[in-house]
C-alpha atoms as a PDB file:
ATOM      1  CA  MET A   1     136.206 116.914 101.356  1.00  0.00           C
ATOM      2  CA  THR A   2     136.650 115.084 105.037  1.00  0.00           C
ATOM      3  CA  SER A   3     133.561 113.425 106.561  1.00  0.00           C
ATOM      4  CA  VAL A   4     132.217 114.142 109.670  1.00  0.00           C
ATOM      5  CA  PRO A   5     132.981 110.502 111.088  1.00  0.00           C
ATOM      6  CA  ASN A   6     136.598 110.758 109.882  1.00  0.00           C
ATOM      7  CA  ILE A   7     137.011 113.961 111.414  1.00  0.00           C
ATOM      8  CA  GLN A   8     135.963 112.357 114.856  1.00  0.00           C
ATOM      9  CA  ARG A   9     138.124 109.660 114.316  1.00  0.00           C
ATOM     10  CA  LYS A  10     140.967 111.796 114.103  1.00  0.00           C
ATOM     11  CA  GLU A  11     140.039 113.711 117.304  1.00  0.00           C
ATOM     12  CA  ARG A  12     139.687 110.557 119.306  1.00  0.00           C
ATOM     13  CA  ALA A  13     143.016 109.186 118.080  1.00  0.00           C
ATOM     14  CA  VAL A  14     144.855 112.885 119.271  1.00  0.00           C
ATOM     15  CA  LYS A  15     142.403 112.403 122.531  1.00  0.00           C
ATOM     16  CA  LYS A  16     143.751 108.706 123.199  1.00  0.00           C
ATOM     17  CA  LEU A  17     147.523 109.732 122.309  1.00  0.00           C
ATOM     18  CA  ASN A  18     147.303 112.494 125.075  1.00  0.00           C
ATOM     19  CA  GLU A  19     145.697 110.097 127.296  1.00  0.00           C
ATOM     20  CA  ALA A  20     148.082 107.513 126.929  1.00  0.00           C
ATOM     21  CA  THR A  21     151.231 109.763 127.315  1.00  0.00           C
ATOM     22  CA  GLU A  22     149.779 110.927 130.780  1.00  0.00           C
ATOM     23  CA  GLN A  23     148.941 107.251 131.763  1.00  0.00           C
ATOM     24  CA  ASP A  24     152.886 105.973 130.727  1.00  0.00           C
ATOM     25  CA  LYS A  25     154.224 105.344 133.986  1.00  0.00           C
ATOM     26  CA  PRO A  26     155.908 102.674 135.252  1.00  0.00           C
ATOM     27  CA  ASN A  27     152.987 101.370 137.218  1.00  0.00           C
ATOM     28  CA  GLN A  28     150.267 102.155 134.492  1.00  0.00           C
ATOM     29  CA  LYS A  29     152.206 100.641 131.365  1.00  0.00           C
ATOM     30  CA  GLU A  30     149.245  98.100 130.175  1.00  0.00           C
ATOM     31  CA  LYS A  31     146.751 100.922 130.659  1.00  0.00           C
ATOM     32  CA  ALA A  32     148.877 103.004 128.336  1.00  0.00           C
ATOM     33  CA  TYR A  33     149.692 100.355 125.741  1.00  0.00           C
ATOM     34  CA  LYS A  34     146.276  99.664 125.257  1.00  0.00           C
ATOM     35  CA  LEU A  35     145.393 103.494 125.138  1.00  0.00           C
ATOM     36  CA  TYR A  36     148.562 103.972 122.218  1.00  0.00           C
ATOM     37  CA  MET A  37     146.605 100.774 120.283  1.00  0.00           C
ATOM     38  CA  GLU A  38     143.399 102.447 120.455  1.00  0.00           C
ATOM     39  CA  ALA A  39     144.897 105.428 119.143  1.00  0.00           C
ATOM     40  CA  LEU A  40     146.715 104.111 116.267  1.00  0.00           C
ATOM     41  CA  GLU A  41     143.606 101.909 115.562  1.00  0.00           C
ATOM     42  CA  ASP A  42     141.647 105.633 115.138  1.00  0.00           C
ATOM     43  CA  ALA A  43     144.523 107.374 113.226  1.00  0.00           C
ATOM     44  CA  GLY A  44     144.979 104.290 110.819  1.00  0.00           C
ATOM     45  CA  VAL A  45     141.527 104.351 109.528  1.00  0.00           C
ATOM     46  CA  TYR A  46     141.535 108.210 109.572  1.00  0.00           C
ATOM     47  CA  LEU A  47     144.489 108.499 107.101  1.00  0.00           C
ATOM     48  CA  PHE A  48     142.946 105.726 105.148  1.00  0.00           C
ATOM     49  CA  PHE A  49     139.535 107.369 104.660  1.00  0.00           C
ATOM     50  CA  GLU A  50     141.265 110.844 104.039  1.00  0.00           C
ATOM     51  CA  LYS A  51     140.784 111.732 100.318  1.00  0.00           C
ATOM     52  CA  ASP A  52     143.048 115.101 100.273  1.00  0.00           C
ATOM     53  CA  PRO A  53     146.567 114.044 100.010  1.00  0.00           C
ATOM     54  CA  LYS A  54     147.906 117.248 101.217  1.00  0.00           C
ATOM     55  CA  ILE A  55     145.819 117.091 104.703  1.00  0.00           C
ATOM     56  CA  LYS A  56     147.018 113.192 104.713  1.00  0.00           C
ATOM     57  CA  LYS A  57     150.323 114.348 104.476  1.00  0.00           C
ATOM     58  CA  GLU A  58     150.072 116.857 107.471  1.00  0.00           C
ATOM     59  CA  CYS A  59     148.196 115.028 109.288  1.00  0.00           C
ATOM     60  CA  ARG A  60     150.316 111.902 109.482  1.00  0.00           C
ATOM     61  CA  GLN A  61     153.535 114.428 109.957  1.00  0.00           C
ATOM     62  CA  LYS A  62     151.731 115.640 113.237  1.00  0.00           C
ATOM     63  CA  PHE A  63     150.677 112.406 114.241  1.00  0.00           C
ATOM     64  CA  VAL A  64     153.960 110.654 113.835  1.00  0.00           C
ATOM     65  CA  GLY A  65     155.262 114.123 115.291  1.00  0.00           C
ATOM     66  CA  HIS A  66     153.641 112.929 118.718  1.00  0.00           C
ATOM     67  CA  TYR A  67     155.238 109.849 119.159  1.00  0.00           C
ATOM     68  CA  ILE A  68     158.645 111.330 118.458  1.00  0.00           C
ATOM     69  CA  ARG A  69     158.336 114.109 121.090  1.00  0.00           C
ATOM     70  CA  ALA A  70     156.700 111.220 123.254  1.00  0.00           C
ATOM     71  CA  THR A  71     159.677 108.971 122.764  1.00  0.00           C
ATOM     72  CA  ASN A  72     162.119 111.387 124.587  1.00  0.00           C
ATOM     73  CA  LYS A  73     160.746 109.414 127.791  1.00  0.00           C
ATOM     74  CA  GLU A  74     162.581 106.462 129.042  1.00  0.00           C
ATOM     75  CA  THR A  75     159.965 104.236 128.446  1.00  0.00           C
ATOM     76  CA  VAL A  76     159.302 100.722 127.359  1.00  0.00           C
ATOM     77  CA  VAL A  77     155.891 101.335 126.096  1.00  0.00           C
ATOM     78  CA  LEU A  78     157.006 104.383 124.272  1.00  0.00           C
ATOM     79  CA  ASN A  79     159.820 103.142 122.251  1.00  0.00           C
ATOM     80  CA  THR A  80     157.804 100.676 120.255  1.00  0.00           C
ATOM     81  CA  PHE A  81     156.173 103.584 118.321  1.00  0.00           C
ATOM     82  CA  LYS A  82     159.443 105.406 117.614  1.00  0.00           C
ATOM     83  CA  ASN A  83     158.900 103.875 113.931  1.00  0.00           C
ATOM     84  CA  PRO A  84     156.193 105.976 112.138  1.00  0.00           C
ATOM     85  CA  ILE A  85     155.800 102.863 109.755  1.00  0.00           C
ATOM     86  CA  TYR A  86     152.894 101.716 112.358  1.00  0.00           C
ATOM     87  CA  LEU A  87     150.628 104.274 111.121  1.00  0.00           C
ATOM     88  CA  ILE A  88     149.067 101.962 108.357  1.00  0.00           C
ATOM     89  CA  GLU A  89     148.634  98.349 108.414  1.00  0.00           C
ATOM     90  CA  GLN A  90     146.878  96.048 105.452  1.00  0.00           C
ATOM     91  CA  ASN A  91     146.023  92.711 106.447  1.00  0.00           C
ATOM     92  CA  VAL A  92     145.802  90.125 103.930  1.00  0.00           C
ATOM     93  CA  SER A  93     144.375  86.592 103.507  1.00  0.00           C
ATOM     94  CA  ALA A  94     143.352  84.200 100.847  1.00  0.00           C
ATOM     95  CA  SER A  95     139.744  85.538 101.067  1.00  0.00           C
ATOM     96  CA  ASN A  96     141.326  88.787  99.965  1.00  0.00           C
ATOM     97  CA  ILE A  97     142.902  87.793  97.246  1.00  0.00           C
ATOM     98  CA  VAL A  98     141.664  84.561  95.452  1.00  0.00           C
ATOM     99  CA  SER A  99     138.749  85.447  92.927  1.00  0.00           C
ATOM    100  CA  LYS A 100     136.663  82.975  90.619  1.00  0.00           C
ATOM    101  CA  TRP A 101     137.297  85.410  87.749  1.00  0.00           C
ATOM    102  CA  MET A 102     140.280  84.940  85.644  1.00  0.00           C
ATOM    103  CA  GLY A 103     143.026  87.894  86.163  1.00  0.00           C
ATOM    104  CA  GLU A 104     141.272  89.332  89.297  1.00  0.00           C
ATOM    105  CA  GLY A 105     143.505  87.613  91.745  1.00  0.00           C
ATOM    106  CA  GLU A 106     146.720  89.362  90.600  1.00  0.00           C
ATOM    107  CA  LYS A 107     144.810  92.341  89.946  1.00  0.00           C
ATOM    108  CA  GLN A 108     144.105  92.559  93.556  1.00  0.00           C
ATOM    109  CA  VAL A 109     147.618  91.636  94.690  1.00  0.00           C
ATOM    110  CA  SER A 110     148.834  94.375  92.534  1.00  0.00           C
ATOM    111  CA  ASN A 111     146.120  96.832  93.785  1.00  0.00           C
ATOM    112  CA  LEU A 112     147.220  95.949  97.579  1.00  0.00           C
ATOM    113  CA  PHE A 113     151.237  96.867  97.104  1.00  0.00           C
ATOM    114  CA  GLN A 114     150.210 100.007  94.953  1.00  0.00           C
ATOM    115  CA  SER A 115     147.798 100.799  98.056  1.00  0.00           C
ATOM    116  CA  ALA A 116     150.719 100.356 100.243  1.00  0.00           C
ATOM    117  CA  ARG A 117     152.649 102.278  98.290  1.00  0.00           C
ATOM    118  CA  ASP A 118     150.403 105.326  98.208  1.00  0.00           C
ATOM    119  CA  GLU A 119     149.886 105.339 102.091  1.00  0.00           C
ATOM    120  CA  ALA A 120     153.398 104.723 102.848  1.00  0.00           C
ATOM    121  CA  PRO A 121     154.659 104.419 105.614  1.00  0.00           C
ATOM    122  CA  SER A 122     152.558 101.397 105.692  1.00  0.00           C
ATOM    123  CA  ILE A 123     152.665  97.458 106.768  1.00  0.00           C
ATOM    124  CA  ILE A 124     151.619  94.220 104.403  1.00  0.00           C
ATOM    125  CA  PHE A 125     150.795  91.732 107.003  1.00  0.00           C
ATOM    126  CA  ILE A 126     149.885  88.255 105.048  1.00  0.00           C
ATOM    127  CA  ASP A 127     148.355  85.660 107.453  1.00  0.00           C
ATOM    128  CA  GLU A 128     148.926  82.091 106.593  1.00  0.00           C
ATOM    129  CA  ILE A 129     151.038  82.866 103.520  1.00  0.00           C
ATOM    130  CA  ASP A 130     151.766  79.451 102.871  1.00  0.00           C
ATOM    131  CA  SER A 131     148.178  79.208 101.610  1.00  0.00           C
ATOM    132  CA  LEU A 132     148.811  81.667  99.117  1.00  0.00           C
ATOM    133  CA  CYS A 133     152.370  80.873  98.385  1.00  0.00           C
ATOM    134  CA  GLY A 134     153.181  77.353  98.560  1.00  0.00           C
ATOM    135  CA  PRO A 135     155.358  75.801  96.086  1.00  0.00           C
ATOM    136  CA  ARG A 136     155.144  75.760  92.364  1.00  0.00           C
ATOM    137  CA  GLY A 137     154.622  72.772  90.252  1.00  0.00           C
ATOM    138  CA  LYS A 138     152.327  70.662  92.546  1.00  0.00           C
ATOM    139  CA  ASP A 139     149.975  68.553  90.679  1.00  0.00           C
ATOM    140  CA  ASN A 140     147.170  69.974  92.429  1.00  0.00           C
ATOM    141  CA  GLU A 141     148.504  73.330  91.431  1.00  0.00           C
ATOM    142  CA  ASN A 142     146.335  75.169  88.851  1.00  0.00           C
ATOM    143  CA  GLU A 143     146.503  78.294  86.391  1.00  0.00           C
ATOM    144  CA  ALA A 144     145.086  80.748  88.613  1.00  0.00           C
ATOM    145  CA  SER A 145     146.903  80.093  91.920  1.00  0.00           C
ATOM    146  CA  ARG A 146     150.255  80.275  89.898  1.00  0.00           C
ATOM    147  CA  ARG A 147     149.626  83.594  88.772  1.00  0.00           C
ATOM    148  CA  ILE A 148     148.815  84.917  91.883  1.00  0.00           C
ATOM    149  CA  LYS A 149     152.042  83.494  93.195  1.00  0.00           C
ATOM    150  CA  THR A 150     154.112  84.976  90.284  1.00  0.00           C
ATOM    151  CA  GLU A 151     152.519  88.274  91.077  1.00  0.00           C
ATOM    152  CA  PHE A 152     153.436  88.117  94.683  1.00  0.00           C
ATOM    153  CA  LEU A 153     157.044  87.534  93.591  1.00  0.00           C
ATOM    154  CA  VAL A 154     156.967  90.382  91.419  1.00  0.00           C
ATOM    155  CA  GLN A 155     155.540  93.134  93.883  1.00  0.00           C
ATOM    156  CA  MET A 156     157.762  91.409  96.440  1.00  0.00           C
ATOM    157  CA  GLN A 157     160.736  92.268  94.812  1.00  0.00           C
ATOM    158  CA  ALA A 158     159.568  95.605  93.638  1.00  0.00           C
ATOM    159  CA  VAL A 159     159.099  96.547  97.417  1.00  0.00           C
ATOM    160  CA  SER A 160     162.543  95.128  98.197  1.00  0.00           C
ATOM    161  CA  ASN A 161     164.077  97.218  95.651  1.00  0.00           C
ATOM    162  CA  ASP A 162     162.334 100.557  95.694  1.00  0.00           C
ATOM    163  CA  ALA A 163     159.583 101.194  98.248  1.00  0.00           C
ATOM    164  CA  LYS A 164     161.895 101.756 101.688  1.00  0.00           C
ATOM    165  CA  ASN A 165     158.444 103.005 103.500  1.00  0.00           C
ATOM    166  CA  VAL A 166     156.869  99.711 102.857  1.00  0.00           C
ATOM    167  CA  LEU A 167     157.207  96.826 105.135  1.00  0.00           C
ATOM    168  CA  VAL A 168     155.717  93.406 104.284  1.00  0.00           C
ATOM    169  CA  LEU A 169     155.420  91.086 107.286  1.00  0.00           C
ATOM    170  CA  ALA A 170     153.934  87.391 107.080  1.00  0.00           C
ATOM    171  CA  ALA A 171     153.123  84.505 109.403  1.00  0.00           C
ATOM    172  CA  THR A 172     153.018  80.778 109.012  1.00  0.00           C
ATOM    173  CA  ASN A 173     152.986  77.483 111.109  1.00  0.00           C
ATOM    174  CA  THR A 174     154.422  75.584 107.874  1.00  0.00           C
ATOM    175  CA  PRO A 175     157.293  77.183 106.549  1.00  0.00           C
ATOM    176  CA  ASP A 176     158.501  74.194 104.706  1.00  0.00           C
ATOM    177  CA  ASP A 177     155.199  74.501 102.526  1.00  0.00           C
ATOM    178  CA  LEU A 178     156.545  78.064 101.409  1.00  0.00           C
ATOM    179  CA  ASP A 179     157.951  78.646  97.865  1.00  0.00           C
ATOM    180  CA  VAL A 180     161.522  78.756  97.786  1.00  0.00           C
ATOM    181  CA  ALA A 181     161.440  82.056  95.642  1.00  0.00           C
ATOM    182  CA  MET A 182     158.922  83.514  98.014  1.00  0.00           C
ATOM    183  CA  ARG A 183     160.939  82.165 101.045  1.00  0.00           C
ATOM    184  CA  ARG A 184     164.132  84.568  99.564  1.00  0.00           C
ATOM    185  CA  ARG A 185     162.194  87.331  99.356  1.00  0.00           C
ATOM    186  CA  PHE A 186     161.943  87.625 103.057  1.00  0.00           C
ATOM    187  CA  ASP A 187     165.414  89.413 104.652  1.00  0.00           C
ATOM    188  CA  LYS A 188     164.300  88.018 107.659  1.00  0.00           C
ATOM    189  CA  ARG A 189     162.764  84.591 108.418  1.00  0.00           C
ATOM    190  CA  ILE A 190     162.403  84.215 112.457  1.00  0.00           C
ATOM    191  CA  TYR A 191     160.851  81.514 114.492  1.00  0.00           C
ATOM    192  CA  ILE A 192     158.953  82.543 117.093  1.00  0.00           C
ATOM    193  CA  PRO A 193     158.838  79.839 119.763  1.00  0.00           C
ATOM    194  CA  LEU A 194     155.874  78.747 122.149  1.00  0.00           C
ATOM    195  CA  PRO A 195     155.936  81.105 125.242  1.00  0.00           C
ATOM    196  CA  ASN A 196     158.189  80.253 128.264  1.00  0.00           C
ATOM    197  CA  ARG A 197     156.623  80.441 131.824  1.00  0.00           C
ATOM    198  CA  LYS A 198     157.216  84.059 132.458  1.00  0.00           C
ATOM    199  CA  ALA A 199     155.308  84.849 129.072  1.00  0.00           C
ATOM    200  CA  ARG A 200     152.259  82.305 129.980  1.00  0.00           C
ATOM    201  CA  LYS A 201     151.778  84.066 132.990  1.00  0.00           C
ATOM    202  CA  GLN A 202     151.463  87.256 131.411  1.00  0.00           C
ATOM    203  CA  ILE A 203     149.182  85.939 128.754  1.00  0.00           C
ATOM    204  CA  PHE A 204     146.707  84.526 131.406  1.00  0.00           C
ATOM    205  CA  LYS A 205     146.676  87.876 133.074  1.00  0.00           C
ATOM    206  CA  LEU A 206     145.995  89.633 129.856  1.00  0.00           C
ATOM    207  CA  HIS A 207     143.046  87.360 128.861  1.00  0.00           C
ATOM    208  CA  ILE A 208     141.564  87.321 132.636  1.00  0.00           C
ATOM    209  CA  GLY A 209     141.635  91.189 132.282  1.00  0.00           C
ATOM    210  CA  ASN A 210     139.309  92.816 134.655  1.00  0.00           C
ATOM    211  CA  THR A 211     136.955  89.934 135.219  1.00  0.00           C
ATOM    212  CA  PRO A 212     136.505  89.234 138.979  1.00  0.00           C
ATOM    213  CA  HIS A 213     138.681  86.520 140.339  1.00  0.00           C
ATOM    214  CA  ASN A 214     140.695  85.709 143.475  1.00  0.00           C
ATOM    215  CA  LEU A 215     143.706  84.397 142.035  1.00  0.00           C
ATOM    216  CA  SER A 216     147.019  84.858 143.797  1.00  0.00           C
ATOM    217  CA  THR A 217     150.482  85.403 142.035  1.00  0.00           C
ATOM    218  CA  LYS A 218     151.383  82.056 143.092  1.00  0.00           C
ATOM    219  CA  ASP A 219     147.970  80.515 141.063  1.00  0.00           C
ATOM    220  CA  PHE A 220     149.439  82.477 137.888  1.00  0.00           C
ATOM    221  CA  GLN A 221     152.875  80.742 138.669  1.00  0.00           C
ATOM    222  CA  ASP A 222     151.032  77.431 139.125  1.00  0.00           C
ATOM    223  CA  LEU A 223     149.100  77.871 135.553  1.00  0.00           C
ATOM    224  CA  ALA A 224     151.716  78.766 134.050  1.00  0.00           C
ATOM    225  CA  LYS A 225     154.126  75.945 135.222  1.00  0.00           C
ATOM    226  CA  LYS A 226     151.135  73.480 134.245  1.00  0.00           C
ATOM    227  CA  THR A 227     150.229  75.055 130.601  1.00  0.00           C
ATOM    228  CA  ARG A 228     153.844  74.138 129.200  1.00  0.00           C
ATOM    229  CA  GLY A 229     153.846  73.573 125.366  1.00  0.00           C
ATOM    230  CA  PHE A 230     150.439  75.489 125.309  1.00  0.00           C
ATOM    231  CA  SER A 231     150.719  78.424 122.596  1.00  0.00           C
ATOM    232  CA  GLY A 232     149.190  81.760 123.254  1.00  0.00           C
ATOM    233  CA  SER A 233     146.077  80.656 121.175  1.00  0.00           C
ATOM    234  CA  ASP A 234     145.662  77.498 123.499  1.00  0.00           C
ATOM    235  CA  ILE A 235     145.935  79.739 126.401  1.00  0.00           C
ATOM    236  CA  SER A 236     143.130  82.083 125.054  1.00  0.00           C
ATOM    237  CA  ILE A 237     140.689  79.008 124.732  1.00  0.00           C
ATOM    238  CA  PHE A 238     141.936  77.894 128.092  1.00  0.00           C
ATOM    239  CA  VAL A 239     140.762  80.926 129.812  1.00  0.00           C
ATOM    240  CA  LYS A 240     137.658  81.623 127.720  1.00  0.00           C
ATOM    241  CA  ASP A 241     136.325  78.326 129.026  1.00  0.00           C
ATOM    242  CA  ALA A 242     137.273  78.875 132.382  1.00  0.00           C
ATOM    243  CA  LEU A 243     135.688  82.269 132.654  1.00  0.00           C
ATOM    244  CA  TYR A 244     132.644  80.820 131.742  1.00  0.00           C
ATOM    245  CA  GLN A 245     132.703  78.499 135.108  1.00  0.00           C
ATOM    246  CA  PRO A 246     130.841  80.803 136.998  1.00  0.00           C
ATOM    247  CA  VAL A 247     128.226  81.211 134.592  1.00  0.00           C
ATOM    248  CA  ARG A 248     127.593  77.251 134.494  1.00  0.00           C
ATOM    249  CA  ALA A 249     127.993  77.211 138.410  1.00  0.00           C
ATOM    250  CA  THR A 250     125.051  80.070 138.397  1.00  0.00           C
ATOM    251  CA  LEU A 251     123.007  78.462 135.884  1.00  0.00           C
ATOM    252  CA  ASP A 252     123.077  75.070 137.667  1.00  0.00           C
ATOM    253  CA  ALA A 253     122.358  76.311 141.237  1.00  0.00           C
ATOM    254  CA  LYS A 254     119.958  75.321 143.543  1.00  0.00           C
ATOM    255  CA  PHE A 255     120.808  77.803 146.675  1.00  0.00           C
ATOM    256  CA  PHE A 256     121.582  81.401 146.970  1.00  0.00           C
ATOM    257  CA  GLU A 257     122.558  83.610 149.584  1.00  0.00           C
ATOM    258  CA  GLU A 258     122.593  87.716 149.872  1.00  0.00           C
ATOM    259  CA  ASN A 259     125.579  89.418 149.968  1.00  0.00           C
ATOM    260  CA  ARG A 260     126.248  92.358 152.053  1.00  0.00           C
ATOM    261  CA  GLN A 261     125.796  94.813 148.999  1.00  0.00           C
ATOM    262  CA  GLY A 262     122.110  93.215 148.420  1.00  0.00           C
ATOM    263  CA  MET A 263     123.653  90.896 145.783  1.00  0.00           C
ATOM    264  CA  TRP A 264     122.158  87.242 144.980  1.00  0.00           C
ATOM    265  CA  VAL A 265     124.990  84.723 144.298  1.00  0.00           C
ATOM    266  CA  PRO A 266     125.131  80.952 144.348  1.00  0.00           C
ATOM    267  CA  CYS A 267     126.272  79.080 147.489  1.00  0.00           C
ATOM    268  CA  GLU A 268     126.870  75.450 148.337  1.00  0.00           C
ATOM    269  CA  GLY A 269     123.515  74.661 150.511  1.00  0.00           C
ATOM    270  CA  LYS A 270     122.000  75.363 153.834  1.00  0.00           C
ATOM    271  CA  GLY A 271     124.247  72.659 155.031  1.00  0.00           C
ATOM    272  CA  THR A 272     127.322  74.850 154.727  1.00  0.00           C
ATOM    273  CA  ASP A 273     125.418  78.482 155.011  1.00  0.00           C
ATOM    274  CA  GLN A 274     122.275  78.896 156.962  1.00  0.00           C
ATOM    275  CA  LYS A 275     121.491  81.903 155.207  1.00  0.00           C
ATOM    276  CA  ALA A 276     121.097  80.027 151.741  1.00  0.00           C
ATOM    277  CA  LYS A 277     117.766  80.338 150.021  1.00  0.00           C
ATOM    278  CA  GLU A 278     117.151  77.034 148.146  1.00  0.00           C
ATOM    279  CA  ILE A 279     115.656  78.307 144.923  1.00  0.00           C
ATOM    280  CA  THR A 280     116.437  77.901 141.023  1.00  0.00           C
ATOM    281  CA  LEU A 281     117.856  80.920 139.252  1.00  0.00           C
ATOM    282  CA  GLU A 282     114.590  81.286 137.296  1.00  0.00           C
ATOM    283  CA  LYS A 283     112.709  81.951 140.231  1.00  0.00           C
ATOM    284  CA  LEU A 284     115.287  84.247 142.061  1.00  0.00           C
ATOM    285  CA  LYS A 285     115.138  86.398 138.760  1.00  0.00           C
ATOM    286  CA  ALA A 286     111.559  86.490 138.907  1.00  0.00           C
ATOM    287  CA  GLU A 287     111.776  87.536 142.846  1.00  0.00           C
ATOM    288  CA  VAL A 288     114.170  89.933 142.739  1.00  0.00           C
ATOM    289  CA  GLY A 289     115.028  90.580 139.196  1.00  0.00           C
ATOM    290  CA  ALA A 290     118.247  89.750 136.743  1.00  0.00           C
ATOM    291  CA  GLU A 291     119.866  92.955 138.130  1.00  0.00           C
ATOM    292  CA  LYS A 292     120.323  91.705 141.718  1.00  0.00           C
ATOM    293  CA  ILE A 293     121.905  88.267 140.661  1.00  0.00           C
ATOM    294  CA  GLN A 294     125.620  87.937 140.452  1.00  0.00           C
ATOM    295  CA  LEU A 295     128.251  85.912 139.291  1.00  0.00           C
ATOM    296  CA  PRO A 296     130.602  84.369 141.722  1.00  0.00           C
ATOM    297  CA  PRO A 297     134.480  85.267 141.058  1.00  0.00           C
ATOM    298  CA  ASN A 298     136.688  83.261 139.098  1.00  0.00           C
ATOM    299  CA  THR A 299     138.636  80.546 141.425  1.00  0.00           C
ATOM    300  CA  LYS A 300     141.907  78.704 140.806  1.00  0.00           C
ATOM    301  CA  ALA A 301     139.326  75.450 141.169  1.00  0.00           C
ATOM    302  CA  ASP A 302     137.517  76.984 137.599  1.00  0.00           C
ATOM    303  CA  PHE A 303     141.160  76.761 135.786  1.00  0.00           C
ATOM    304  CA  ASP A 304     142.232  73.385 137.274  1.00  0.00           C
ATOM    305  CA  SER A 305     138.919  71.473 136.359  1.00  0.00           C
ATOM    306  CA  VAL A 306     139.131  73.323 132.622  1.00  0.00           C
ATOM    307  CA  LEU A 307     142.784  72.163 132.354  1.00  0.00           C
ATOM    308  CA  GLU A 308     142.014  68.748 133.065  1.00  0.00           C
ATOM    309  CA  LYS A 309     140.360  68.437 129.964  1.00  0.00           C
ATOM    310  CA  GLN A 310     142.548  71.067 128.117  1.00  0.00           C
ATOM    311  CA  LYS A 311     145.838  69.940 125.716  1.00  0.00           C
ATOM    312  CA  PRO A 312     148.293  71.607 123.501  1.00  0.00           C
ATOM    313  CA  THR A 313     147.308  72.019 119.711  1.00  0.00           C
ATOM    314  CA  VAL A 314     151.202  71.958 119.137  1.00  0.00           C
ATOM    315  CA  SER A 315     152.696  68.729 118.517  1.00  0.00           C
ATOM    316  CA  LYS A 316     156.471  68.208 119.026  1.00  0.00           C
ATOM    317  CA  ALA A 317     156.956  67.055 115.397  1.00  0.00           C
ATOM    318  CA  GLU A 318     155.909  70.339 114.558  1.00  0.00           C
ATOM    319  CA  ILE A 319     158.066  72.369 116.814  1.00  0.00           C
ATOM    320  CA  ASP A 320     161.111  70.228 115.388  1.00  0.00           C
ATOM    321  CA  ALA A 321     159.984  71.270 112.189  1.00  0.00           C
ATOM    322  CA  CYS A 322     159.752  74.669 112.669  1.00  0.00           C
ATOM    323  CA  VAL A 323     163.509  74.249 114.743  1.00  0.00           C
ATOM    324  CA  LYS A 324     165.098  72.729 111.715  1.00  0.00           C
ATOM    325  CA  PHE A 325     163.858  75.306 109.417  1.00  0.00           C
ATOM    326  CA  THR A 326     165.307  77.943 111.196  1.00  0.00           C
ATOM    327  CA  LYS A 327     168.521  76.154 111.527  1.00  0.00           C
ATOM    328  CA  ASP A 328     168.398  75.829 107.870  1.00  0.00           C
ATOM    329  CA  PHE A 329     167.297  79.278 106.454  1.00  0.00           C
ATOM    330  CA  GLY A 330     166.245  81.405 109.657  1.00  0.00           C
ATOM    331  CA  SER A 331     167.584  84.569 110.986  1.00  0.00           C
ATOM    332  CA  ASP A 332     168.301  85.330 114.762  1.00  0.00           C
ATOM    333  CA  SER A 333     166.688  88.660 114.813  1.00  0.00           C
END
């Protein structure tokens, strides 16, 4: 019998899917994409916990049907979901597989792939696969890790031969550390380079989101230009640090002023603004209440000050190694 929380997940998925279809317009693609991803997440959890195989099959077909009908529109966002394989995703890392008990690790691998077959169409995503499937025969390899690698190879081969509705994706920053046999198990070996200037600009906008700021299009272009060599993770850390700058400024402020909305914001001081009141944050909170204190919007200066200390974490040697691996063993697409 389906539990009440699981039924609610299904209802949320359908509701968000309908909202996404309504929002999927040329000028609202980002909002529609977010709703689609939320709908996929709820649908995946619902189908995973649904015990009745008949209900599970019917609901999966209905949910996929929504996407098939939706993809009749000429839209970039909807075309992402034409394939029903995106319904169930299983993330794998070393902590999910490795066990202190002999034989438990390879059993976990076997159960993982069996579960993926049972829930097909599904995706198995293995993050940092080199930590699980490094080269066999090295001095630091033990019997347990070797058996796990062997089980992975057996299951991967079975997926390649039989399970057409199971897709295995893996990610690694050190492809040279991957076992040769495991490398051959992947039909495609695709190198994803660091984001270019256009992509970096979009990543900045994505991470800043709805946070109040006064950055112009030119400012975003300048930030993208200055962060050449940054990875998506580097930009995420960079933006997170910059978004804290108004918080730091408010905590350290000695002068505040009241704006037209009746909110108190930090300012430079009486020398530049006659309305400024010399007071600490703690005293101001005691006088007007914390709800009356507003953080100033982020400025370009906030990002520039953080950029002076922020450095990319990917070296040229690492990039060259990935490029060489792609040239030797990679696929174009």
